[in-house]
Amino acid sequence: MKNTFNEIKAQDKEYIMNTYGRFDVAFVGGKGATLYNEEGKDFIDLGSGIGTSALGANDEKWSAAVSKQAKTLAHISNLYYNPVTSALAEKLCQATGMKNVFFGNSGAEANECAVKIARKYSFDKYGADANRNKILTLRNSFHGRTVTTLAATGQDVFHNYFFPFTEGFIFEEAGEEALNVLKNDDKICGVMMEMVQGEGGVFVLDKEFVSAVAKIAEEKDIVLIVDEVQTGVGRTGTFLASQQYGINPDVVTLAKGLGGGLPIGAALCGEKTCKVLGASDHGSTFGGNTVSCAGALVVIERLLDDGVLASVSEKSEYLRGKLKETFGDKIKEIRGLGLMLGIDFDGPTSKEIAAAGIANGVAVLTAKSAVRLLPPLTITKEEMDEGVARLAKAISSLEK
């Protein structure tokens, strides 16, 4: 392997497709919410791999379980039973109140599965002639990068280049118009929404609107899908963000933080939808991979049994307070739930701040105009303090 940053960067540019706008750093190690580059310089990680490394870097229980499973049996496919995958399925259903689960490899795959469930539910119940196959999603939403999940994404900027996109998706702003469409369009079979629109700028949906959507969906026999790819697995202070809204989704999708850094996606079904998919209706060669599931089991154990989940709301309040204390009126708005925050600063753009953050030893994310923070759920107060201090240095460097 290459050793210096310039060697790593040159190798990347020559052999990896240029689909990512990378920051000018290479990370090679870490512990908790601290990452290290190839020279040993430390960085406070306030992004956790875009919300995937829920337990931070090199969590001891997670690393031990993943290593043990890799040495025992890494993969067998879904042609056979295995105890690791079934144990994870049980834990997820117990934590969420759902009935069963389909495992894939990513959030986009989980959302594709949810689309298939909604359409097959209506096909089975109402027949092909009913043409009940539309799915309503919200403006500013983001549901993935496959052709179908891009089609489901309610942002026009993503609807380019890859025509024709999958048909059957309609978009509305979260509000009265969306409710009216749900009430009056008899061709709608499903509605998909994020409780917090993460990629859209970290905007939290109004509870009254969400309750109204759920009520109409129940009345009209519409499959209610909640995309918890980014908000799920404790990120917002409850295992599912939708648990804070008092609704019972028919399908919930998970990914990102579930694997603790390994690829995994999950579509969980409630009572209404748990028997929709049968043999050969769907599949995934690597779905339910034993190593990823072993990691996910530790994530759930650490969240629920070791008290990590119980600390998220307290950490969120502390981090919000630290940001307000440090930046004062430089902050136009802080929004989000739990350890999923979006900050609009008065002055530099979010991209400028993120780049300056790397130069000052702190990694943050962006979401349109917002600086997005998705730190590990295990982050300490000391790491939060240091991360905010370094972020302050980054912004000061842009003001000179």
Protein backbone atom coordinates (compact mmCIF):
# COMPACT_ATOMS: atom_id res chain seq x y z
CA MET A 1 0.00 0.00 0.00
CA LYS A 2 1.02 3.60 -0.54
CA ASN A 3 2.32 5.41 2.55
CA THR A 4 2.39 9.17 1.98
CA PHE A 5 -0.70 11.27 1.44
CA ASN A 6 0.39 12.35 -2.04
CA GLU A 7 0.95 8.70 -3.04
CA ILE A 8 -2.48 7.67 -1.71
CA LYS A 9 -4.16 10.59 -3.45
CA ALA A 10 -2.44 9.92 -6.79
CA GLN A 11 -3.34 6.22 -6.68
CA ASP A 12 -6.96 7.08 -5.89
CA LYS A 13 -7.23 9.54 -8.76
CA GLU A 14 -5.75 7.07 -11.24
CA TYR A 15 -7.76 3.98 -10.33
CA ILE A 16 -11.03 5.05 -8.68
CA MET A 17 -13.90 6.61 -10.63
CA ASN A 18 -14.12 10.34 -10.01
CA THR A 19 -17.61 10.29 -8.45
CA TYR A 20 -16.72 11.81 -5.07
CA GLY A 21 -15.57 15.27 -4.07
CA ARG A 22 -13.03 14.13 -1.50
CA PHE A 23 -11.63 16.32 1.26
CA ASP A 24 -7.85 16.75 1.25
CA VAL A 25 -7.06 14.10 3.85
CA ALA A 26 -6.55 10.33 4.11
CA PHE A 27 -7.65 8.54 7.28
CA VAL A 28 -5.89 5.34 8.28
CA GLY A 29 -6.98 4.71 11.87
CA GLY A 30 -9.03 5.89 14.80
CA LYS A 31 -10.51 5.36 18.23
CA GLY A 32 -13.92 6.59 19.33
CA ALA A 33 -14.58 10.00 17.79
CA THR A 34 -10.91 10.59 16.98
CA LEU A 35 -9.44 9.73 13.58
CA TYR A 36 -5.80 9.69 12.47
CA ASN A 37 -4.19 10.44 9.12
CA GLU A 38 -1.14 8.66 7.70
CA GLU A 39 1.19 10.97 9.66
CA GLY A 40 -0.56 10.34 12.99
CA LYS A 41 -2.31 13.72 13.17
CA ASP A 42 -5.61 13.50 15.05
CA PHE A 43 -9.00 14.76 13.86
CA ILE A 44 -12.26 14.98 15.82
CA ASP A 45 -14.87 13.05 13.84
CA LEU A 46 -18.26 14.80 13.82
CA GLY A 47 -19.49 12.87 10.76
CA SER A 48 -18.98 9.19 11.67
CA GLY A 49 -18.72 8.04 8.08
CA ILE A 50 -21.98 9.84 7.17
CA GLY A 51 -23.68 8.42 10.24
CA THR A 52 -22.50 4.84 9.77
CA SER A 53 -19.93 4.41 12.53
CA ALA A 54 -22.50 4.72 15.32
CA LEU A 55 -20.06 3.41 17.93
CA GLY A 56 -17.11 5.40 16.60
CA ALA A 57 -13.85 3.91 15.40
CA ASN A 58 -12.53 0.64 16.79
CA ASP A 59 -15.18 -0.05 19.43
CA GLU A 60 -13.76 -3.01 21.34
CA LYS A 61 -16.92 -5.15 21.55
CA TRP A 62 -17.77 -4.47 17.90
CA SER A 63 -14.26 -5.19 16.63
CA ALA A 64 -14.04 -8.42 18.62
CA ALA A 65 -17.40 -9.71 17.36
CA VAL A 66 -16.68 -8.85 13.73
CA SER A 67 -13.20 -10.41 13.90
CA LYS A 68 -14.56 -13.57 15.54
CA GLN A 69 -17.28 -13.97 12.93
CA ALA A 70 -14.86 -13.33 10.05
CA LYS A 71 -12.68 -16.13 11.40
CA THR A 72 -15.68 -18.44 11.89
CA LEU A 73 -17.83 -18.06 8.75
CA ALA A 74 -17.88 -14.92 6.64
CA HIS A 75 -20.63 -15.75 4.16
CA ILE A 76 -22.96 -18.58 3.17
CA SER A 77 -25.76 -16.88 1.14
CA ASN A 78 -29.47 -16.96 1.85
CA LEU A 79 -29.88 -20.53 0.62
CA TYR A 80 -29.15 -21.66 4.17
CA TYR A 81 -30.16 -20.76 7.73
CA ASN A 82 -27.65 -19.21 10.11
CA PRO A 83 -27.99 -18.13 13.75
CA VAL A 84 -26.36 -14.69 13.42
CA THR A 85 -28.80 -13.31 10.85
CA SER A 86 -31.88 -14.68 12.60
CA ALA A 87 -30.68 -13.32 15.96
CA LEU A 88 -30.30 -9.85 14.43
CA ALA A 89 -33.77 -10.06 12.89
CA GLU A 90 -35.26 -10.88 16.30
CA LYS A 91 -33.40 -8.04 18.02
CA LEU A 92 -34.56 -5.55 15.38
CA CYS A 93 -38.18 -6.61 15.61
CA GLN A 94 -38.08 -6.42 19.40
CA ALA A 95 -36.54 -2.94 19.30
CA THR A 96 -38.99 -1.57 16.74
CA GLY A 97 -42.24 -3.48 17.22
CA MET A 98 -42.13 -4.68 13.62
CA LYS A 99 -42.89 -8.27 12.57
CA ASN A 100 -40.15 -9.33 10.17
CA VAL A 101 -37.25 -8.03 8.11
CA PHE A 102 -35.52 -8.33 4.74
CA PHE A 103 -31.77 -7.74 4.78
CA GLY A 104 -29.87 -6.07 1.95
CA ASN A 105 -26.62 -4.14 1.71
CA SER A 106 -27.53 -0.45 1.77
CA GLY A 107 -30.18 2.16 2.36
CA ALA A 108 -31.00 2.40 -1.32
CA GLU A 109 -31.60 -1.36 -1.44
CA ALA A 110 -33.80 -1.16 1.64
CA ASN A 111 -35.86 1.58 0.01
CA GLU A 112 -36.13 -0.38 -3.25
CA CYS A 113 -37.50 -3.26 -1.21
CA ALA A 114 -40.01 -0.94 0.45
CA VAL A 115 -41.22 0.26 -2.97
CA LYS A 116 -41.72 -3.33 -4.09
CA ILE A 117 -43.63 -4.16 -0.91
CA ALA A 118 -46.00 -1.20 -1.34
CA ARG A 119 -46.72 -2.00 -4.97
CA LYS A 120 -47.15 -5.74 -4.44
CA TYR A 121 -49.45 -5.12 -1.46
CA SER A 122 -51.82 -3.16 -3.68
CA PHE A 123 -51.40 -5.53 -6.61
CA ASP A 124 -52.32 -8.52 -4.44
CA LYS A 125 -55.27 -6.82 -2.77
CA TYR A 126 -56.74 -4.68 -5.56
CA GLY A 127 -55.52 -6.39 -8.75
CA ALA A 128 -53.51 -5.22 -11.74
CA ASP A 129 -56.47 -3.45 -13.35
CA ALA A 130 -56.72 -0.99 -10.46
CA ASN A 131 -53.35 0.56 -11.48
CA ARG A 132 -52.83 1.40 -7.83
CA ASN A 133 -49.06 1.86 -8.07
CA LYS A 134 -48.11 5.47 -7.35
CA ILE A 135 -45.91 6.35 -4.40
CA LEU A 136 -45.97 9.83 -2.90
CA THR A 137 -42.69 11.22 -1.54
CA LEU A 138 -41.86 14.68 -0.27
CA ARG A 139 -40.05 17.56 -1.87
CA ASN A 140 -36.52 17.88 -0.49
CA SER A 141 -36.38 14.15 0.28
CA PHE A 142 -33.52 11.79 -0.48
CA HIS A 143 -34.01 8.03 -0.80
CA GLY A 144 -30.93 6.70 -2.62
CA ARG A 145 -28.88 6.67 -5.82
CA THR A 146 -30.23 3.73 -7.80
CA VAL A 147 -32.42 4.61 -10.76
CA THR A 148 -35.56 3.84 -8.76
CA THR A 149 -34.57 5.53 -5.51
CA LEU A 150 -33.37 8.58 -7.43
CA ALA A 151 -36.83 8.64 -9.02
CA ALA A 152 -38.29 8.53 -5.51
CA THR A 153 -36.10 11.43 -4.38
CA GLY A 154 -37.97 14.72 -4.31
CA GLN A 155 -35.14 16.95 -5.51
CA ASP A 156 -35.04 17.99 -9.15
CA VAL A 157 -31.24 18.24 -9.13
CA PHE A 158 -31.04 14.43 -8.97
CA HIS A 159 -33.34 13.89 -11.95
CA ASN A 160 -30.74 14.21 -14.68
CA TYR A 161 -28.57 12.09 -17.01
CA PHE A 162 -30.00 8.65 -16.32
CA PHE A 163 -33.27 8.72 -18.25
CA PRO A 164 -35.71 7.08 -18.25
CA PHE A 165 -36.24 7.01 -14.51
CA THR A 166 -38.62 4.56 -12.89
CA GLU A 167 -42.19 5.81 -13.21
CA GLY A 168 -44.87 6.04 -10.56
CA PHE A 169 -43.50 8.61 -8.09
CA ILE A 170 -45.16 11.93 -7.29
CA PHE A 171 -43.73 14.71 -5.11
CA GLU A 172 -45.40 17.24 -2.86
CA GLU A 173 -44.26 19.72 -0.23
CA ALA A 174 -44.84 18.57 3.32
CA GLY A 175 -48.14 20.30 4.09
CA GLU A 176 -51.77 20.62 3.05
CA GLU A 177 -51.19 19.91 -0.64
CA ALA A 178 -49.56 16.58 0.14
CA LEU A 179 -52.47 15.67 2.41
CA ASN A 180 -54.99 16.62 -0.28
CA VAL A 181 -53.21 14.49 -2.88
CA LEU A 182 -53.16 11.52 -0.50
CA LYS A 183 -56.88 11.92 0.15
CA ASN A 184 -57.96 12.29 -3.45
CA ASP A 185 -55.64 10.21 -5.66
CA ASP A 186 -56.95 6.64 -5.67
CA LYS A 187 -53.92 5.40 -7.62
CA ILE A 188 -51.56 5.91 -4.66
CA CYS A 189 -50.38 2.67 -3.05
CA GLY A 190 -47.66 4.06 -0.78
CA VAL A 191 -46.24 7.15 0.88
CA MET A 192 -42.55 7.39 1.81
CA MET A 193 -41.02 10.03 4.06
CA GLU A 194 -38.06 10.77 6.34
CA MET A 195 -38.81 12.17 9.79
CA VAL A 196 -35.70 14.35 9.34
CA GLN A 197 -34.68 15.20 5.78
CA GLY A 198 -30.95 14.70 6.27
CA GLU A 199 -29.50 15.17 2.80
CA GLY A 200 -32.08 17.88 2.16
CA GLY A 201 -30.60 20.14 4.84
CA VAL A 202 -31.56 18.50 8.15
CA PHE A 203 -35.19 19.61 8.24
CA VAL A 204 -37.48 18.02 10.83
CA LEU A 205 -41.01 17.12 9.74
CA ASP A 206 -43.89 18.66 11.67
CA LYS A 207 -45.56 16.17 14.02
CA GLU A 208 -49.10 17.23 13.09
CA PHE A 209 -48.35 16.70 9.42
CA VAL A 210 -46.86 13.25 10.04
CA SER A 211 -49.86 12.25 12.16
CA ALA A 212 -52.22 13.43 9.43
CA VAL A 213 -50.33 11.42 6.80
CA ALA A 214 -50.50 8.30 8.97
CA LYS A 215 -54.24 8.75 9.54
CA ILE A 216 -55.00 9.14 5.82
CA ALA A 217 -52.75 6.20 4.95
CA GLU A 218 -54.69 4.00 7.36
CA GLU A 219 -58.05 5.19 6.07
CA LYS A 220 -57.09 4.77 2.41
CA ASP A 221 -55.17 1.49 2.90
CA ILE A 222 -51.96 3.14 1.70
CA VAL A 223 -48.66 1.56 2.75
CA LEU A 224 -46.87 3.97 5.09
CA ILE A 225 -43.09 3.77 4.59
CA VAL A 226 -40.70 5.62 6.89
CA ASP A 227 -37.16 5.96 5.56
CA GLU A 228 -34.98 5.74 8.68
CA VAL A 229 -31.75 5.06 6.83
CA GLN A 230 -30.13 8.07 8.46
CA THR A 231 -32.44 8.72 11.42
CA GLY A 232 -32.71 5.13 12.70
CA VAL A 233 -30.67 3.05 15.14
CA GLY A 234 -30.59 5.65 17.89
CA ARG A 235 -29.41 8.63 15.88
CA THR A 236 -32.26 10.91 17.03
CA GLY A 237 -32.46 9.77 20.65
CA THR A 238 -34.94 6.91 20.20
CA PHE A 239 -34.23 3.68 18.34
CA LEU A 240 -36.46 4.93 15.50
CA ALA A 241 -37.17 8.62 14.91
CA SER A 242 -40.77 7.66 14.07
CA GLN A 243 -41.20 6.49 17.68
CA GLN A 244 -41.12 10.17 18.66
CA TYR A 245 -44.07 10.82 16.34
CA GLY A 246 -46.43 8.21 17.78
CA ILE A 247 -47.07 6.47 14.46
CA ASN A 248 -46.93 2.83 13.40
CA PRO A 249 -45.33 2.55 9.94
CA ASP A 250 -46.10 -0.39 7.68
CA VAL A 251 -42.48 -0.47 6.49
CA VAL A 252 -39.36 1.00 8.08
CA THR A 253 -36.02 1.09 6.26
CA LEU A 254 -32.66 1.10 8.04
CA ALA A 255 -28.98 1.13 7.02
CA LYS A 256 -26.07 3.49 7.87
CA GLY A 257 -25.60 3.16 11.66
CA LEU A 258 -27.00 -0.37 11.84
CA GLY A 259 -23.76 -2.10 10.81
CA GLY A 260 -21.47 0.11 12.87
CA GLY A 261 -19.36 0.71 9.75
CA LEU A 262 -20.12 -2.43 7.73
CA PRO A 263 -22.56 -2.47 4.79
CA ILE A 264 -26.08 -3.57 5.69
CA GLY A 265 -29.62 -2.47 4.89
CA ALA A 266 -32.94 -3.62 6.29
CA ALA A 267 -36.59 -3.27 5.37
CA LEU A 268 -38.80 -4.07 8.35
CA CYS A 269 -42.48 -4.86 7.93
CA GLY A 270 -45.39 -4.41 10.30
CA GLU A 271 -48.54 -6.51 10.61
CA LYS A 272 -50.07 -5.16 7.40
CA THR A 273 -47.12 -5.95 5.12
CA CYS A 274 -45.21 -8.80 6.75
CA LYS A 275 -46.64 -11.44 4.40
CA VAL A 276 -46.47 -9.46 1.15
CA LEU A 277 -43.17 -10.87 -0.14
CA GLY A 278 -42.88 -14.60 -0.63
CA ALA A 279 -40.39 -17.02 -2.14
CA SER A 280 -38.52 -15.51 -5.13
CA ASP A 281 -40.30 -12.12 -4.85
CA HIS A 282 -37.04 -10.53 -3.73
CA GLY A 283 -33.47 -11.50 -2.92
CA SER A 284 -29.90 -10.42 -2.26
CA THR A 285 -26.74 -12.51 -2.51
CA PHE A 286 -24.96 -10.66 0.27
CA GLY A 287 -28.03 -9.62 2.25
CA GLY A 288 -27.82 -10.81 5.85
CA ASN A 289 -24.07 -11.38 5.55
CA THR A 290 -22.90 -12.94 8.80
CA VAL A 291 -20.03 -10.49 9.46
CA SER A 292 -22.24 -7.43 8.95
CA CYS A 293 -24.94 -8.98 11.12
CA ALA A 294 -22.43 -9.77 13.87
CA GLY A 295 -21.44 -6.10 13.87
CA ALA A 296 -25.07 -4.99 13.91
CA LEU A 297 -25.83 -7.22 16.89
CA VAL A 298 -23.15 -5.43 18.87
CA VAL A 299 -24.49 -2.02 17.79
CA ILE A 300 -27.92 -2.94 19.18
CA GLU A 301 -26.40 -4.42 22.34
CA ARG A 302 -24.33 -1.29 22.97
CA LEU A 303 -27.32 0.97 22.32
CA LEU A 304 -29.87 -0.85 24.43
CA ASP A 305 -27.93 -2.83 27.05
CA ASP A 306 -24.88 -0.60 27.59
CA GLY A 307 -26.85 2.64 27.82
CA VAL A 308 -25.58 4.40 24.71
CA LEU A 309 -29.09 5.18 23.43
CA ALA A 310 -30.12 6.64 26.79
CA SER A 311 -27.27 9.18 26.54
CA VAL A 312 -28.05 10.54 23.05
CA SER A 313 -30.59 13.21 24.04
CA GLU A 314 -28.35 14.50 26.84
CA LYS A 315 -25.38 14.68 24.47
CA SER A 316 -27.52 16.46 21.89
CA GLU A 317 -28.54 19.11 24.41
CA TYR A 318 -24.93 19.53 25.51
CA LEU A 319 -23.66 19.87 21.93
CA ARG A 320 -26.35 22.39 21.03
CA GLY A 321 -25.46 24.43 24.09
CA LYS A 322 -21.75 24.30 23.31
CA LEU A 323 -22.37 25.44 19.73
CA LYS A 324 -24.53 28.38 20.87
CA GLU A 325 -22.05 29.35 23.57
CA THR A 326 -19.12 29.25 21.12
CA PHE A 327 -20.64 30.85 18.04
CA GLY A 328 -23.44 33.07 19.36
CA ASP A 329 -25.06 35.16 16.65
CA LYS A 330 -22.81 33.62 13.98
CA ILE A 331 -25.40 30.81 13.96
CA LYS A 332 -28.58 31.61 12.08
CA GLU A 333 -30.28 28.32 12.99
CA ILE A 334 -29.62 24.93 14.58
CA ARG A 335 -32.12 22.21 13.72
CA GLY A 336 -32.40 18.45 13.94
CA LEU A 337 -33.08 15.70 16.46
CA GLY A 338 -30.65 13.95 18.80
CA LEU A 339 -27.14 13.73 17.37
CA MET A 340 -28.33 14.68 13.89
CA LEU A 341 -27.87 18.43 13.65
CA GLY A 342 -27.82 20.97 10.85
CA ILE A 343 -26.30 24.41 11.44
CA ASP A 344 -26.72 27.44 9.20
CA PHE A 345 -23.84 29.84 9.82
CA ASP A 346 -23.87 33.52 8.92
CA GLY A 347 -20.93 33.96 6.57
CA PRO A 348 -18.90 31.18 4.96
CA THR A 349 -20.66 28.42 3.02
CA SER A 350 -21.01 24.93 4.45
CA LYS A 351 -18.51 23.58 1.92
CA GLU A 352 -15.95 26.23 2.85
CA ILE A 353 -16.40 25.43 6.54
CA ALA A 354 -16.06 21.68 5.98
CA ALA A 355 -12.83 22.14 4.02
CA ALA A 356 -11.42 24.52 6.63
CA GLY A 357 -12.43 22.01 9.29
CA ILE A 358 -10.08 19.41 7.83
CA ALA A 359 -7.24 21.92 7.86
CA ASN A 360 -7.97 22.51 11.56
CA GLY A 361 -8.39 18.90 12.65
CA VAL A 362 -12.15 18.38 12.65
CA ALA A 363 -14.32 16.45 10.18
CA VAL A 364 -17.86 17.70 9.54
CA LEU A 365 -20.42 17.08 6.81
CA THR A 366 -22.59 19.30 4.67
CA ALA A 367 -26.25 19.20 3.70
CA LYS A 368 -26.97 21.96 1.21
CA SER A 369 -26.45 25.24 3.12
CA ALA A 370 -26.06 23.50 6.48
CA VAL A 371 -23.02 22.17 8.25
CA ARG A 372 -24.24 18.71 9.24
CA LEU A 373 -23.10 16.95 12.39
CA LEU A 374 -23.56 13.19 12.77
CA PRO A 375 -20.99 12.31 15.44
CA PRO A 376 -20.61 8.80 16.84
CA LEU A 377 -23.31 8.12 19.43
CA THR A 378 -20.50 7.22 21.83
CA ILE A 379 -18.81 10.63 21.55
CA THR A 380 -17.63 12.06 24.88
CA LYS A 381 -18.14 15.60 26.17
CA GLU A 382 -14.39 16.13 25.91
CA GLU A 383 -14.46 15.15 22.23
CA MET A 384 -17.45 17.43 21.62
CA ASP A 385 -15.65 20.32 23.33
CA GLU A 386 -12.52 19.77 21.26
CA GLY A 387 -14.50 19.34 18.04
CA VAL A 388 -16.40 22.60 18.54
CA ALA A 389 -13.18 24.43 19.46
CA ARG A 390 -11.53 23.23 16.26
CA LEU A 391 -14.61 24.16 14.26
CA ALA A 392 -14.38 27.67 15.72
CA LYS A 393 -10.75 27.89 14.57
CA ALA A 394 -11.80 26.74 11.11
CA ILE A 395 -14.46 29.41 10.79
CA SER A 396 -12.12 32.09 12.18
CA SER A 397 -9.57 31.14 9.52
CA LEU A 398 -12.17 31.90 6.84
CA GLU A 399 -12.93 35.32 8.28
CA LYS A 400 -9.36 36.62 8.05
